[in-house]
Amino acid sequence: MPEPDRNPCTANPEILSLMNRSSLLREPLLHFAVLGLLIFAVDAYLRWQADERHVIRLDAGVEKSLVSLFREGQGREPTEAEVSMLVHRWLQNEVYYREALTMGLDKGDEMIHSRLILKMREVVLNNIVVSPPSEEELRAWFEANRSRYEVPERYDFSQALVAGDAGAREAAEKALPASDGEPVAAPYADQLRSYGERSRENIADMFGESFAVALLAERAPQWRAVQSPLGWHVVRLDAVHPAVPATYETIKANVRADWEGMQKTAAAFEAIREMRKRYTVTGPGMKYLEIQPAEVPNPADALEAAPTVATAKPGQPS
């Protein structure tokens, strides 16, 4: 009688199956086959992407846009022949555009760079949805920003700058009329300029803080000699217009528009912060990111407010 097989590996079919699989996984030919399939799949995907870049889809949306542009420009519907002309022109431009991208002509072009920034900015802003504020929220925001809507006290004044440094004060004082109603002495009478309804802040911006203080110190409409960083002036305060307080009910629409603009700006800041996380910023200019800027650039501002500089391609020195 033959002795039974006591080898657990050959006696158990499941163990035998696992051993066969393990041997199969160690076969070099299998490794080459799997690698070949992966290479084939990647190649097929890249070929598909390349083919897709050479597919121009002339769908109904293109035709609708072209017809709409023609209608807005000409004030009438285009004929079939005119639509054909528009489509041919669009196709020519699309071919030019794609060939330019293939040749890398978009690289280093500041106009294209600016245009893409503008388009991306529009995408960000158009995707921002602002929930309508409650009446209480809008009123509270108005009170916190009341100064934006109140019209400050404004002033009318006339002035002429006395030329020269030496003796300018004496010349300005001599030019003052002896009494009210008399004109300023020549040649300054012909050089007088009048300014209407200017705020104190505006006057200080134009002629300096010391000039604004001296001009508004005396409210009587009389000629005086006043100094500014520009020199000495013959000046007179002609009229004072009282401040106009803001009333919420009369400017509610403006307040709401400003509130929504503020909300969009905040959302745009958050969006650009999230996008920036995807990038690593390097280079010596990094030091400026550690300095508090004079003004934080608003991502919702117009493109012209921010300069554009062509950057080097990845891997190239800037």
Protein backbone atom coordinates (compact mmCIF):
# COMPACT_ATOMS: atom_id res chain seq x y z
CA MET A 1 0.00 0.00 0.00
CA PRO A 2 1.52 3.36 -1.05
CA GLU A 3 2.41 5.81 1.72
CA PRO A 4 0.13 8.93 1.72
CA ASP A 5 1.57 12.31 0.65
CA ARG A 6 2.25 14.22 3.84
CA ASN A 7 3.51 17.43 2.10
CA PRO A 8 0.94 20.11 3.04
CA CYS A 9 1.73 22.19 -0.04
CA THR A 10 0.92 19.38 -2.50
CA ALA A 11 -1.89 17.98 -0.41
CA ASN A 12 -3.77 21.32 -0.28
CA PRO A 13 -5.00 22.56 -3.70
CA GLU A 14 -5.40 26.18 -2.43
CA ILE A 15 -1.79 26.37 -1.30
CA LEU A 16 -0.66 24.87 -4.57
CA SER A 17 -2.65 27.52 -6.47
CA LEU A 18 -1.04 30.33 -4.49
CA MET A 19 2.42 28.93 -5.16
CA ASN A 20 1.73 28.81 -8.87
CA ARG A 21 0.56 32.46 -8.80
CA SER A 22 3.63 33.54 -6.87
CA SER A 23 5.87 31.89 -9.43
CA LEU A 24 3.94 33.56 -12.21
CA LEU A 25 4.37 37.03 -10.65
CA ARG A 26 8.12 36.50 -10.64
CA GLU A 27 8.20 35.83 -14.38
CA PRO A 28 10.21 38.56 -16.24
CA LEU A 29 8.05 38.13 -19.32
CA LEU A 30 4.97 39.13 -17.31
CA HIS A 31 6.73 42.24 -16.07
CA PHE A 32 7.62 43.25 -19.63
CA ALA A 33 4.06 42.59 -20.77
CA VAL A 34 2.54 44.79 -18.03
CA LEU A 35 5.09 47.55 -18.70
CA GLY A 36 4.31 47.37 -22.40
CA LEU A 37 0.58 47.75 -21.71
CA LEU A 38 1.23 50.80 -19.51
CA ILE A 39 3.41 52.44 -22.15
CA PHE A 40 0.76 51.72 -24.77
CA ALA A 41 -1.97 53.26 -22.58
CA VAL A 42 0.06 56.42 -21.89
CA ASP A 43 0.97 56.77 -25.56
CA ALA A 44 -2.67 56.33 -26.57
CA TYR A 45 -3.74 59.01 -24.08
CA LEU A 46 -1.13 61.48 -25.29
CA ARG A 47 -2.07 60.82 -28.90
CA TRP A 48 -5.72 61.40 -28.01
CA GLN A 49 -4.83 64.71 -26.36
CA ALA A 50 -2.78 65.76 -29.40
CA ASP A 51 -5.64 64.78 -31.69
CA GLU A 52 -8.10 66.76 -29.54
CA ARG A 53 -5.97 69.87 -29.93
CA HIS A 54 -6.46 69.53 -33.68
CA VAL A 55 -10.23 69.17 -33.46
CA ILE A 56 -12.09 72.46 -34.05
CA ARG A 57 -15.72 72.22 -32.96
CA LEU A 58 -17.90 74.49 -35.06
CA ASP A 59 -21.09 74.00 -33.09
CA ALA A 60 -24.36 75.93 -32.86
CA GLY A 61 -22.92 78.16 -30.12
CA VAL A 62 -20.28 79.53 -32.50
CA GLU A 63 -22.88 80.33 -35.13
CA LYS A 64 -25.15 81.98 -32.57
CA SER A 65 -22.33 84.20 -31.29
CA LEU A 66 -21.29 85.24 -34.81
CA VAL A 67 -24.88 86.07 -35.79
CA SER A 68 -25.35 88.05 -32.56
CA LEU A 69 -22.20 90.10 -33.19
CA PHE A 70 -23.31 90.83 -36.76
CA ARG A 71 -26.78 91.85 -35.56
CA GLU A 72 -25.36 94.24 -32.94
CA GLY A 73 -23.00 95.84 -35.44
CA GLN A 74 -25.27 96.06 -38.49
CA GLY A 75 -28.70 96.32 -36.90
CA ARG A 76 -30.16 93.48 -38.99
CA GLU A 77 -30.03 89.73 -39.46
CA PRO A 78 -27.21 88.41 -41.69
CA THR A 79 -27.91 86.57 -44.91
CA GLU A 80 -26.83 82.95 -45.30
CA ALA A 81 -23.89 84.07 -47.45
CA GLU A 82 -22.84 86.59 -44.77
CA VAL A 83 -23.03 83.89 -42.09
CA SER A 84 -20.81 81.74 -44.31
CA MET A 85 -18.31 84.58 -44.56
CA LEU A 86 -18.35 85.02 -40.76
CA VAL A 87 -17.81 81.30 -40.19
CA HIS A 88 -14.92 81.18 -42.68
CA ARG A 89 -13.29 84.15 -40.96
CA TRP A 90 -13.81 82.61 -37.52
CA LEU A 91 -12.27 79.34 -38.71
CA GLN A 92 -9.25 81.15 -40.15
CA ASN A 93 -8.72 82.96 -36.83
CA GLU A 94 -9.12 79.74 -34.85
CA VAL A 95 -6.52 77.99 -36.99
CA TYR A 96 -4.16 80.95 -36.60
CA TYR A 97 -4.73 80.90 -32.83
CA ARG A 98 -4.07 77.17 -32.41
CA GLU A 99 -1.00 77.22 -34.62
CA ALA A 100 0.35 80.16 -32.63
CA LEU A 101 -0.11 78.19 -29.40
CA THR A 102 1.60 75.17 -30.95
CA MET A 103 4.57 77.33 -31.91
CA GLY A 104 4.66 78.90 -28.45
CA LEU A 105 4.04 82.41 -29.79
CA ASP A 106 2.02 83.26 -26.68
CA LYS A 107 5.15 83.05 -24.53
CA GLY A 108 6.68 86.39 -23.53
CA ASP A 109 3.92 88.47 -25.18
CA GLU A 110 2.82 91.11 -22.66
CA MET A 111 -0.44 91.81 -24.51
CA ILE A 112 -1.47 88.16 -24.35
CA HIS A 113 -0.21 88.01 -20.77
CA SER A 114 -2.43 90.95 -19.80
CA ARG A 115 -5.39 89.56 -21.70
CA LEU A 116 -5.18 86.21 -19.89
CA ILE A 117 -4.97 88.01 -16.53
CA LEU A 118 -8.08 89.98 -17.42
CA LYS A 119 -9.93 86.83 -18.50
CA MET A 120 -9.00 85.01 -15.30
CA ARG A 121 -10.05 87.99 -13.22
CA GLU A 122 -13.43 87.97 -14.98
CA VAL A 123 -13.79 84.24 -14.33
CA VAL A 124 -13.12 84.75 -10.61
CA LEU A 125 -15.51 87.70 -10.25
CA ASN A 126 -18.29 86.11 -12.33
CA ASN A 127 -18.22 83.03 -10.11
CA ILE A 128 -18.70 85.05 -6.93
CA VAL A 129 -22.25 84.95 -5.62
CA VAL A 130 -23.14 87.47 -2.90
CA SER A 131 -26.09 86.67 -0.66
CA PRO A 132 -28.43 89.67 -0.24
CA PRO A 133 -27.93 91.55 3.04
CA SER A 134 -30.65 92.05 5.63
CA GLU A 135 -31.96 95.55 6.29
CA GLU A 136 -30.26 95.58 9.69
CA GLU A 137 -26.95 94.48 8.20
CA LEU A 138 -27.10 97.17 5.52
CA ARG A 139 -27.97 99.91 8.00
CA ALA A 140 -25.15 98.86 10.32
CA TRP A 141 -22.68 98.96 7.43
CA PHE A 142 -23.93 102.42 6.44
CA GLU A 143 -23.41 103.75 9.97
CA ALA A 144 -19.91 102.30 10.08
CA ASN A 145 -19.07 103.97 6.75
CA ARG A 146 -21.18 107.13 7.03
CA SER A 147 -18.24 109.42 6.22
CA ARG A 148 -18.11 107.93 2.70
CA TYR A 149 -21.52 109.40 1.93
CA GLU A 150 -21.54 112.70 3.81
CA VAL A 151 -20.55 115.79 1.86
CA PRO A 152 -18.01 117.78 3.92
CA GLU A 153 -17.89 121.54 4.29
CA ARG A 154 -16.63 123.07 1.04
CA TYR A 155 -14.96 126.38 0.22
CA ASP A 156 -14.65 128.85 -2.66
CA PHE A 157 -11.39 130.80 -2.77
CA SER A 158 -9.16 132.79 -5.10
CA GLN A 159 -5.37 132.90 -5.13
CA ALA A 160 -2.34 134.06 -7.09
CA LEU A 161 1.20 132.83 -6.49
CA VAL A 162 3.82 135.53 -5.99
CA ALA A 163 6.94 134.57 -8.00
CA GLY A 164 10.41 134.56 -6.50
CA ASP A 165 11.81 133.66 -3.10
CA ALA A 166 13.50 136.80 -1.90
CA GLY A 167 11.00 139.48 -0.96
CA ALA A 168 8.00 137.32 -1.94
CA ARG A 169 6.23 137.96 1.34
CA GLU A 170 6.67 141.72 1.05
CA ALA A 171 5.47 141.61 -2.57
CA ALA A 172 2.40 139.61 -1.58
CA GLU A 173 1.55 142.04 1.22
CA LYS A 174 2.01 145.06 -1.08
CA ALA A 175 -0.35 143.48 -3.60
CA LEU A 176 -3.18 143.35 -1.06
CA PRO A 177 -5.91 145.97 -1.66
CA ALA A 178 -6.15 148.77 0.88
CA SER A 179 -9.86 148.10 1.47
CA ASP A 180 -12.62 145.68 0.54
CA GLY A 181 -13.93 146.13 -2.98
CA GLU A 182 -10.61 147.21 -4.41
CA PRO A 183 -8.75 144.88 -6.78
CA VAL A 184 -5.47 143.13 -6.10
CA ALA A 185 -2.49 145.08 -7.38
CA ALA A 186 -0.93 144.30 -10.75
CA PRO A 187 0.41 142.00 -12.01
CA TYR A 188 -1.32 139.57 -9.65
CA ALA A 189 -4.85 140.69 -10.47
CA ASP A 190 -4.48 139.08 -13.90
CA GLN A 191 -3.02 135.91 -12.41
CA LEU A 192 -5.82 135.16 -9.97
CA ARG A 193 -7.39 131.70 -10.17
CA SER A 194 -10.73 130.83 -8.58
CA TYR A 195 -11.57 127.45 -7.02
CA GLY A 196 -15.13 126.38 -6.28
CA GLU A 197 -16.51 124.05 -3.60
CA ARG A 198 -13.19 122.48 -2.60
CA SER A 199 -12.98 120.41 0.56
CA ARG A 200 -10.32 121.09 3.18
CA GLU A 201 -8.62 117.84 2.20
CA ASN A 202 -8.52 118.88 -1.45
CA ILE A 203 -7.07 122.30 -0.57
CA ALA A 204 -4.35 120.67 1.53
CA ASP A 205 -3.54 118.26 -1.32
CA MET A 206 -3.12 121.17 -3.75
CA PHE A 207 -1.30 123.74 -1.62
CA GLY A 208 -0.18 121.98 1.56
CA GLU A 209 -1.51 121.66 5.09
CA SER A 210 -0.13 125.01 6.29
CA PHE A 211 -1.91 126.83 3.44
CA ALA A 212 -5.23 125.14 4.26
CA VAL A 213 -4.92 126.00 7.96
CA ALA A 214 -4.11 129.66 7.24
CA LEU A 215 -6.83 130.03 4.59
CA LEU A 216 -9.60 128.63 6.79
CA ALA A 217 -8.46 130.32 10.00
CA GLU A 218 -10.24 133.52 8.96
CA ARG A 219 -13.71 133.12 7.44
CA ALA A 220 -14.15 136.74 6.41
CA PRO A 221 -13.85 137.30 2.62
CA GLN A 222 -10.76 139.52 2.68
CA TRP A 223 -7.42 139.37 0.89
CA ARG A 224 -4.43 138.03 2.80
CA ALA A 225 -0.85 136.94 2.23
CA VAL A 226 -0.55 133.20 2.93
CA GLN A 227 2.48 130.96 2.63
CA SER A 228 2.54 127.44 1.19
CA PRO A 229 5.34 125.04 0.20
CA LEU A 230 5.12 126.67 -3.24
CA GLY A 231 5.78 130.17 -1.94
CA TRP A 232 3.67 133.16 -0.91
CA HIS A 233 0.13 133.70 -2.20
CA VAL A 234 -2.35 136.48 -2.41
CA VAL A 235 -5.50 134.67 -1.29
CA ARG A 236 -9.13 135.27 -0.31
CA LEU A 237 -11.79 132.91 1.06
CA ASP A 238 -14.84 133.78 -1.03
CA ALA A 239 -17.58 131.52 0.34
CA VAL A 240 -18.28 128.61 2.70
CA HIS A 241 -20.71 125.83 1.80
CA PRO A 242 -22.09 123.88 4.78
CA ALA A 243 -21.66 120.13 5.10
CA VAL A 244 -24.50 117.90 3.89
CA PRO A 245 -25.26 114.93 6.18
CA ALA A 246 -26.04 111.55 4.60
CA THR A 247 -29.52 110.03 4.95
CA TYR A 248 -29.78 106.26 4.61
CA GLU A 249 -33.19 106.27 2.93
CA THR A 250 -32.08 108.59 0.12
CA ILE A 251 -28.92 106.67 -0.78
CA LYS A 252 -29.94 103.11 0.07
CA ALA A 253 -29.30 101.87 -3.49
CA ASN A 254 -25.74 103.28 -3.42
CA VAL A 255 -25.11 101.77 0.00
CA ARG A 256 -26.26 98.35 -1.19
CA ALA A 257 -24.08 98.53 -4.32
CA ASP A 258 -21.05 99.49 -2.21
CA TRP A 259 -21.77 96.71 0.29
CA GLU A 260 -22.01 94.13 -2.50
CA GLY A 261 -18.77 95.46 -3.99
CA MET A 262 -17.06 95.06 -0.62
CA GLN A 263 -18.34 91.48 -0.34
CA LYS A 264 -17.09 90.65 -3.84
CA THR A 265 -13.70 92.14 -3.04
CA ALA A 266 -13.43 90.01 0.11
CA ALA A 267 -14.42 86.90 -1.85
CA ALA A 268 -11.90 87.75 -4.59
CA PHE A 269 -9.15 88.10 -1.96
CA GLU A 270 -10.02 84.65 -0.63
CA ALA A 271 -10.09 83.17 -4.14
CA ILE A 272 -6.67 84.55 -5.05
CA ARG A 273 -5.28 83.33 -1.71
CA GLU A 274 -6.51 79.81 -2.45
CA MET A 275 -5.07 79.89 -5.99
CA ARG A 276 -1.74 81.19 -4.72
CA LYS A 277 -1.41 78.15 -2.44
CA ARG A 278 -0.86 76.04 -5.55
CA TYR A 279 2.34 77.91 -6.42
CA THR A 280 5.81 78.12 -4.95
CA VAL A 281 7.22 81.65 -5.14
CA THR A 282 11.01 81.90 -5.35
CA GLY A 283 13.65 84.52 -6.16
CA PRO A 284 15.23 87.58 -4.55
CA GLY A 285 11.96 89.51 -4.83
CA MET A 286 10.59 87.34 -2.02
CA LYS A 287 11.90 89.94 0.44
CA TYR A 288 9.17 92.38 -0.64
CA LEU A 289 6.46 89.93 0.35
CA GLU A 290 7.62 90.35 3.94
CA ILE A 291 7.12 94.14 3.82
CA GLN A 292 3.73 95.72 4.49
CA PRO A 293 2.67 97.20 1.11
CA ALA A 294 1.63 100.84 0.77
CA GLU A 295 -1.71 99.52 -0.45
CA VAL A 296 -2.90 95.93 -0.79
CA PRO A 297 -3.77 95.41 -4.48
CA ASN A 298 -7.47 94.76 -4.88
CA PRO A 299 -8.03 91.64 -7.03
CA ALA A 300 -11.34 93.12 -8.16
CA ASP A 301 -9.74 96.29 -9.53
CA ALA A 302 -9.30 96.94 -13.23
CA LEU A 303 -6.32 95.27 -14.89
CA GLU A 304 -4.66 98.61 -15.64
CA ALA A 305 -4.13 99.11 -11.91
CA ALA A 306 -1.58 96.29 -11.82
CA PRO A 307 1.53 96.07 -14.02
CA THR A 308 2.29 92.90 -15.92
CA VAL A 309 5.78 91.59 -16.48
CA ALA A 310 6.63 88.68 -18.74
CA THR A 311 8.12 85.86 -16.69
CA ALA A 312 10.63 83.25 -17.69
CA LYS A 313 9.54 79.74 -18.64
CA PRO A 314 9.76 77.14 -15.88
CA GLY A 315 13.34 75.94 -15.60
CA GLN A 316 14.83 79.07 -17.15
CA PRO A 317 16.59 81.84 -15.21
CA SER A 318 14.54 84.98 -14.73
